[in-house]
Amino acid sequence: MISAAWAFAMHSEAPNEPLDPTAEAAAGQRVRGAGAVFTMSLTAGVVRENHVEEFDEGRLIAWRPSEPGATPPGHLWRWELDPLDDARTRVTHTYDWSRLTDEKRMVRARATTADKLQASVDGLAALAERG
């Protein structure tokens, strides 16, 4: 289960609307550690660079998105996977906007509530259970 969960978490900011604006993440982008940058195209046609701040293969990834070439404005997405046994994994998905400096992003940040993050975790669970 953890490999399916990891694959899913590595390819999306959040898998369910309204959080998931991700249209695609280009193939061949391999995160190997903190400091890596991977890109995604959003459904609105906008490209985001995602600056990896925390990484532990198969267990943790956290990144700060930004416009290409720009300094990230401060919000952080994090997925943590903790195997409980051979069939179950505890998944923690957080969105930390405590360092967000871009006023234009505050409305969306405030709208990213616990129930929306839980919907992303539920989408991940459904994908992992399908195998």
Protein backbone atom coordinates (compact mmCIF):
# COMPACT_ATOMS: atom_id res chain seq x y z
CA MET A 1 0.00 0.00 0.00
CA ILE A 2 2.77 2.44 0.78
CA SER A 3 4.16 2.30 -2.78
CA ALA A 4 0.77 3.20 -4.28
CA ALA A 5 0.33 5.97 -1.72
CA TRP A 6 3.80 7.32 -2.44
CA ALA A 7 3.28 7.28 -6.20
CA PHE A 8 0.05 9.18 -5.79
CA ALA A 9 1.44 11.76 -3.37
CA MET A 10 4.41 12.39 -5.66
CA HIS A 11 2.19 13.34 -8.60
CA SER A 12 -0.34 15.76 -7.19
CA GLU A 13 -0.66 18.70 -4.86
CA ALA A 14 -4.03 17.35 -3.82
CA PRO A 15 -6.09 14.78 -5.67
CA ASN A 16 -9.62 16.16 -5.32
CA GLU A 17 -11.43 19.29 -6.36
CA PRO A 18 -11.54 22.01 -5.34
CA LEU A 19 -7.95 21.65 -4.15
CA ASP A 20 -6.63 19.82 -7.18
CA PRO A 21 -5.83 22.27 -9.92
CA THR A 22 -3.19 19.87 -11.26
CA ALA A 23 -3.61 18.94 -14.91
CA GLU A 24 -0.32 17.06 -15.16
CA ALA A 25 3.14 16.63 -13.76
CA ALA A 26 5.64 15.94 -16.52
CA ALA A 27 6.97 12.40 -16.69
CA GLY A 28 10.59 11.75 -15.83
CA GLN A 29 10.84 14.16 -12.92
CA ARG A 30 12.54 12.25 -10.13
CA VAL A 31 12.80 13.83 -6.70
CA ARG A 32 15.86 12.54 -4.87
CA GLY A 33 16.05 14.92 -1.96
CA ALA A 34 15.43 18.32 -0.45
CA GLY A 35 16.48 21.08 -2.82
CA ALA A 36 14.98 19.37 -5.87
CA VAL A 37 12.50 21.24 -8.04
CA PHE A 38 9.70 19.57 -9.99
CA THR A 39 7.05 21.21 -12.15
CA MET A 40 3.32 20.79 -12.63
CA SER A 41 0.88 22.25 -15.09
CA LEU A 42 -2.36 23.43 -13.55
CA THR A 43 -5.77 23.13 -15.19
CA ALA A 44 -5.74 26.87 -15.88
CA GLY A 45 -2.63 26.36 -18.02
CA VAL A 46 -0.29 27.83 -15.41
CA VAL A 47 3.00 26.11 -14.62
CA ARG A 48 4.26 25.84 -11.05
CA GLU A 49 7.74 25.01 -9.85
CA ASN A 50 7.66 23.02 -6.63
CA HIS A 51 10.69 23.47 -4.37
CA VAL A 52 11.21 20.39 -2.22
CA GLU A 53 12.07 21.26 1.38
CA GLU A 54 11.65 17.89 3.11
CA PHE A 55 12.12 14.44 1.63
CA ASP A 56 12.42 10.89 2.87
CA GLU A 57 11.90 8.38 0.05
CA GLY A 58 8.58 6.60 0.41
CA ARG A 59 7.74 8.43 3.64
CA LEU A 60 7.75 12.21 3.34
CA ILE A 61 7.68 14.97 0.77
CA ALA A 62 7.04 18.65 1.39
CA TRP A 63 7.32 21.45 -1.14
CA ARG A 64 6.68 25.13 -1.66
CA PRO A 65 5.12 25.99 -5.03
CA SER A 66 6.06 29.11 -6.96
CA GLU A 67 5.73 30.69 -10.35
CA PRO A 68 8.63 29.64 -12.62
CA GLY A 69 11.80 31.48 -11.67
CA ALA A 70 10.19 33.16 -8.66
CA THR A 71 10.82 32.79 -4.96
CA PRO A 72 8.11 30.64 -3.35
CA PRO A 73 5.58 32.91 -1.58
CA GLY A 74 5.66 30.78 1.56
CA HIS A 75 2.96 28.10 1.59
CA LEU A 76 3.99 24.47 2.01
CA TRP A 77 2.30 21.20 1.00
CA ARG A 78 3.31 18.07 2.90
CA TRP A 79 2.49 14.36 2.55
CA GLU A 80 3.69 11.97 5.27
CA LEU A 81 3.28 8.19 5.03
CA ASP A 82 3.68 5.98 8.10
CA PRO A 83 3.26 2.22 7.53
CA LEU A 84 1.21 0.61 10.30
CA ASP A 85 1.46 -2.95 8.98
CA ASP A 86 1.65 -4.74 5.61
CA ALA A 87 -1.81 -3.54 4.55
CA ARG A 88 -2.27 -0.17 6.23
CA THR A 89 -0.52 3.19 6.07
CA ARG A 90 -1.28 6.31 8.10
CA VAL A 91 -1.31 9.29 5.75
CA THR A 92 -0.97 12.86 6.96
CA HIS A 93 -1.54 15.66 4.47
CA THR A 94 -0.90 19.21 5.60
CA TYR A 95 -1.04 22.64 4.09
CA ASP A 96 0.95 25.21 6.04
CA TRP A 97 0.42 28.80 5.01
CA SER A 98 1.85 30.39 8.17
CA ARG A 99 4.76 31.85 6.15
CA LEU A 100 2.64 32.95 3.17
CA THR A 101 3.51 36.49 2.16
CA ASP A 102 1.44 36.96 -1.02
CA GLU A 103 -1.85 38.67 -0.09
CA LYS A 104 -3.43 37.52 -3.39
CA ARG A 105 -3.13 33.91 -2.20
CA MET A 106 -4.65 34.40 1.26
CA VAL A 107 -8.27 33.76 0.23
CA ARG A 108 -7.38 30.41 -1.32
CA ALA A 109 -5.13 29.55 1.63
CA ARG A 110 -7.96 30.19 4.09
CA ALA A 111 -10.26 28.04 1.94
CA THR A 112 -7.87 25.07 2.20
CA THR A 113 -9.60 23.58 5.22
CA ALA A 114 -9.16 20.29 7.06
CA ASP A 115 -12.16 18.75 5.28
CA LYS A 116 -10.60 19.53 1.89
CA LEU A 117 -7.29 18.00 2.94
CA GLN A 118 -9.19 14.95 4.21
CA ALA A 119 -10.88 14.63 0.81
CA SER A 120 -7.38 14.43 -0.70
CA VAL A 121 -6.41 11.69 1.75
CA ASP A 122 -9.65 9.85 0.96
CA GLY A 123 -8.84 10.05 -2.76
CA LEU A 124 -5.40 8.64 -2.05
CA ALA A 125 -6.93 5.78 -0.03
CA ALA A 126 -9.33 4.93 -2.85
CA LEU A 127 -6.49 4.84 -5.37
CA ALA A 128 -4.27 2.71 -3.14
CA GLU A 129 -7.10 0.27 -2.42
CA ARG A 130 -7.72 -0.19 -6.16
CA GLY A 131 -4.12 -1.33 -6.36
